Protein backbone atom coordinates (compact mmCIF):
# COMPACT_ATOMS: atom_id res chain seq x y z
CA UNK A 1 0.00 0.00 0.00
CA UNK A 2 1.39 3.41 -0.91
CA UNK A 3 2.22 5.92 1.80
CA UNK A 4 -0.50 8.27 0.47
CA UNK A 5 -3.15 5.52 0.50
CA UNK A 6 -2.21 4.48 4.03
CA UNK A 7 -2.34 8.10 5.20
CA UNK A 8 -5.71 8.75 3.54
CA UNK A 9 -7.15 5.56 5.04
CA UNK A 10 -5.91 6.60 8.47
CA UNK A 11 -7.44 10.08 8.12
CA UNK A 12 -10.78 8.55 7.10
CA UNK A 13 -10.65 6.19 10.08
CA UNK A 14 -10.21 9.04 12.57
CA UNK A 15 -12.79 11.11 10.66
CA UNK A 16 -15.31 8.30 11.21
CA UNK A 17 -14.48 7.93 14.91
CA UNK A 18 -14.91 11.67 15.51
CA UNK A 19 -18.17 11.71 13.56
CA UNK A 20 -19.51 8.83 15.65
CA UNK A 21 -18.69 10.85 18.76
CA UNK A 22 -20.87 13.71 17.52
CA UNK A 23 -18.26 15.97 15.95
CA UNK A 24 -18.62 17.77 12.65
CA UNK A 25 -15.36 17.07 10.84
CA UNK A 26 -13.63 18.63 7.85
CA UNK A 27 -10.87 16.75 6.04
CA UNK A 28 -8.45 19.13 4.33
CA UNK A 29 -8.10 18.79 0.59
CA UNK A 30 -4.55 17.99 -0.44
CA UNK A 31 -3.47 17.31 3.10
CA UNK A 32 0.05 15.98 3.21
CA UNK A 33 0.94 17.74 -0.04
CA UNK A 34 2.51 20.99 1.10
CA UNK A 35 -0.71 21.75 2.99
CA UNK A 36 -1.04 24.82 5.17
CA UNK A 37 -3.64 23.25 7.45
CA UNK A 38 -3.83 20.02 9.46
CA UNK A 39 -5.55 16.93 8.03
CA UNK A 40 -8.72 17.19 10.13
CA UNK A 41 -10.63 19.95 11.87
CA UNK A 42 -13.25 18.72 14.33
CA UNK A 43 -15.96 20.90 15.85
CA UNK A 44 -18.57 20.16 18.50
CA UNK A 45 -20.50 22.64 20.66
CA UNK A 46 -17.90 25.37 20.30
CA UNK A 47 -14.94 23.05 20.82
CA UNK A 48 -12.50 23.05 17.91
CA UNK A 49 -9.60 20.63 17.48
CA UNK A 50 -7.01 20.50 14.70
CA UNK A 51 -5.40 17.14 13.97
CA UNK A 52 -2.49 16.05 11.79
CA UNK A 53 -2.78 12.26 11.28
CA UNK A 54 0.17 9.88 11.12
CA UNK A 55 0.24 6.11 10.77
CA UNK A 56 3.82 5.14 11.35
CA UNK A 57 4.88 1.72 12.55
CA UNK A 58 8.31 2.74 13.79
CA UNK A 59 9.88 3.44 17.18
CA UNK A 60 9.71 7.19 16.62
CA UNK A 61 7.75 9.74 14.64
CA UNK A 62 9.34 12.71 12.88
CA UNK A 63 7.98 15.90 11.37
CA UNK A 64 10.13 17.81 8.94
CA UNK A 65 10.81 21.40 10.06
CA UNK A 66 8.60 22.92 7.35
CA UNK A 67 5.56 20.85 8.34
CA UNK A 68 6.18 21.47 12.03
CA UNK A 69 6.41 25.24 11.51
CA UNK A 70 3.24 25.27 9.39
CA UNK A 71 1.37 23.42 12.14
CA UNK A 72 2.73 25.82 14.78
CA UNK A 73 1.67 28.80 12.64
CA UNK A 74 -1.80 27.26 12.18
CA UNK A 75 -2.14 26.73 15.93
CA UNK A 76 -1.03 30.30 16.65
CA UNK A 77 -3.31 31.87 14.03
CA UNK A 78 -6.42 29.86 14.89
CA UNK A 79 -5.84 29.32 18.61
CA UNK A 80 -7.29 25.81 18.09
CA UNK A 81 -5.55 23.07 20.05
CA UNK A 82 -3.48 21.25 17.43
CA UNK A 83 -2.40 17.65 17.84
CA UNK A 84 -0.49 15.07 15.88
CA UNK A 85 -2.55 11.88 16.06
CA UNK A 86 -0.23 8.88 15.83
CA UNK A 87 -1.98 5.60 15.04
CA UNK A 88 0.18 2.79 16.32
CA UNK A 89 -0.57 -0.70 15.03
CA UNK A 90 -2.24 -2.73 17.75
CA UNK A 91 -2.10 0.15 20.23
CA UNK A 92 -4.61 2.68 18.86
CA UNK A 93 -4.37 6.44 18.64
CA UNK A 94 -2.10 8.72 20.68
CA UNK A 95 -2.43 12.50 20.54
CA UNK A 96 0.71 14.59 20.83
CA UNK A 97 0.94 18.33 21.37
CA UNK A 98 3.38 20.08 19.06
CA UNK A 99 5.49 21.27 21.99
CA UNK A 100 6.03 17.64 23.04
CA UNK A 101 8.17 16.99 19.96
CA UNK A 102 11.91 17.44 20.44
CA UNK A 103 13.93 19.37 17.90
CA UNK A 104 16.61 17.20 16.36
CA UNK A 105 19.30 18.06 13.84
CA UNK A 106 16.98 17.58 10.84
CA UNK A 107 13.46 17.04 12.21
CA UNK A 108 11.12 17.30 15.18
CA UNK A 109 10.83 13.89 16.85
CA UNK A 110 8.97 11.94 19.47
CA UNK A 111 9.53 8.34 20.46
CA UNK A 112 6.79 5.74 20.70
CA UNK A 113 7.74 5.24 24.36
CA UNK A 114 7.32 8.95 25.15
CA UNK A 115 4.00 9.19 23.30
CA UNK A 116 2.67 6.15 25.16
CA UNK A 117 3.96 7.48 28.48
CA UNK A 118 2.12 10.78 27.88
CA UNK A 119 -0.86 8.52 27.15
CA UNK A 120 -3.13 11.14 25.61
CA UNK A 121 -6.01 9.31 23.93
CA UNK A 122 -8.92 10.68 21.94
CA UNK A 123 -11.27 10.51 24.91
CA UNK A 124 -8.92 12.74 26.90
CA UNK A 125 -8.99 15.58 24.33
CA UNK A 126 -12.65 15.66 23.31
CA UNK A 127 -15.75 16.82 25.09
CA UNK A 128 -18.33 14.16 25.83
């Protein structure tokens, strides 16, 4: 499966979960292709959440500096909480704040262990 197809499938999966939980969700056109907005924007009763989706079966997740800066700019401009949602095979979704990534020499990184230790799940960031 191509990286794009896997990413699109992952975005649709989270889109469906959020919809089932009563959110109105917008999936950004062209997300992942030099996009200026996150993959998903979810709204419910005045609560807005921006989400960049990643499905990466590795021990760490990296964002290139350009994507990281675009997400930070989005978060600053909109004042919407912005998360990177990392879908880990067999472990589900973990939601990472941008400031929880560590700046490396060529990318912003977070390890699987750190993301799981933070333990932020969907239910912890949405309103019921």
